[in-house]
Amino acid sequence: MSLQSERMKAGFSQQGLANASGVSIWNIRHYEQGTRNIDGAGLDVLCKLASVIGCTIYDLLESEELKELLKQVT
C-alpha cells in the first residue's frame, strides 16, 4: 500500500490528513509524490499518520526490507 491509497481509502484529503495528524501538508505531499521517501520518516510521523488513517505503520512503508524488520520486532 502507500500513504496516498491509505489516505484515500480512509476518506481524507491531503489537507484533512495534515490537520488531523499534525504532520505538515508539505511532508504528506512529498511522501505521496515520491520526492521524499516515507521509509525515512520519523517514528512519530509514521505513528501519527497510521493512527489517524486507521492503518498500521507496516501499511505505510515502501521498503520490503523495512517491512521484514518490522515483522521481526512486533
Protein backbone atom coordinates (compact mmCIF):
# COMPACT_ATOMS: atom_id res chain seq x y z
CA MET A 1 0.00 0.00 0.00
CA SER A 2 1.00 3.61 0.03
CA LEU A 3 0.20 6.69 2.02
CA GLN A 4 -1.94 8.02 -0.80
CA SER A 5 -4.02 4.87 -1.18
CA GLU A 6 -4.46 4.50 2.59
CA ARG A 7 -5.40 8.18 2.90
CA MET A 8 -7.94 7.97 0.12
CA LYS A 9 -9.39 4.72 1.48
CA ALA A 10 -9.90 6.49 4.82
CA GLY A 11 -11.63 9.40 3.06
CA PHE A 12 -9.09 12.12 3.83
CA SER A 13 -7.83 14.89 1.60
CA GLN A 14 -4.18 15.78 1.99
CA GLN A 15 -5.16 18.89 3.94
CA GLY A 16 -7.58 16.93 6.11
CA LEU A 17 -4.90 14.40 6.98
CA ALA A 18 -2.44 17.18 7.74
CA ASN A 19 -4.94 18.88 10.05
CA ALA A 20 -5.93 15.67 11.83
CA SER A 21 -2.41 14.25 12.23
CA GLY A 22 -0.32 17.34 12.84
CA VAL A 23 2.02 16.28 10.01
CA SER A 24 2.66 19.13 7.59
CA ILE A 25 0.86 19.04 4.28
CA TRP A 26 4.27 19.65 2.69
CA ASN A 27 5.52 16.31 4.07
CA ILE A 28 2.35 14.48 3.07
CA ARG A 29 2.57 15.82 -0.48
CA HIS A 30 6.22 14.91 -0.81
CA TYR A 31 5.68 11.39 0.57
CA GLU A 32 2.86 10.84 -1.90
CA GLN A 33 4.76 12.31 -4.86
CA GLY A 34 7.83 10.26 -4.04
CA THR A 35 10.15 13.25 -3.64
CA ARG A 36 10.64 12.18 -0.01
CA ASN A 37 10.71 8.54 0.98
CA ILE A 38 8.25 7.74 3.75
CA ASP A 39 10.61 4.96 4.89
CA GLY A 40 12.85 7.74 6.19
CA ALA A 41 10.10 9.40 8.20
CA GLY A 42 10.43 9.50 11.94
CA LEU A 43 8.54 7.01 14.06
CA ASP A 44 6.44 9.84 15.47
CA VAL A 45 5.30 10.85 11.96
CA LEU A 46 4.51 7.26 10.98
CA CYS A 47 2.55 6.74 14.20
CA LYS A 48 0.54 9.93 13.73
CA LEU A 49 -0.35 9.12 10.14
CA ALA A 50 -1.22 5.48 10.81
CA SER A 51 -3.31 6.38 13.85
CA VAL A 52 -5.40 8.98 12.03
CA ILE A 53 -5.83 6.91 8.87
CA GLY A 54 -6.60 3.73 10.80
CA CYS A 55 -3.87 1.57 9.32
CA THR A 56 -0.58 0.16 10.54
CA ILE A 57 2.90 1.57 10.07
CA TYR A 58 3.58 -1.54 8.01
CA ASP A 59 0.91 -0.39 5.54
CA LEU A 60 2.72 2.92 5.02
CA LEU A 61 6.23 1.57 4.49
CA GLU A 62 7.51 1.02 0.97
CA SER A 63 10.70 -0.98 1.52
CA GLU A 64 10.22 -4.73 1.75
CA GLU A 65 13.38 -4.89 3.85
CA LEU A 66 11.92 -2.49 6.41
CA LYS A 67 8.65 -4.39 6.42
CA GLU A 68 10.53 -7.59 7.23
CA LEU A 69 12.42 -5.87 10.05
CA LEU A 70 9.16 -4.53 11.44
CA LYS A 71 7.66 -8.04 11.39
CA GLN A 72 10.60 -9.29 13.43
CA VAL A 73 10.17 -6.76 16.22
CA THR A 74 6.38 -6.87 16.53
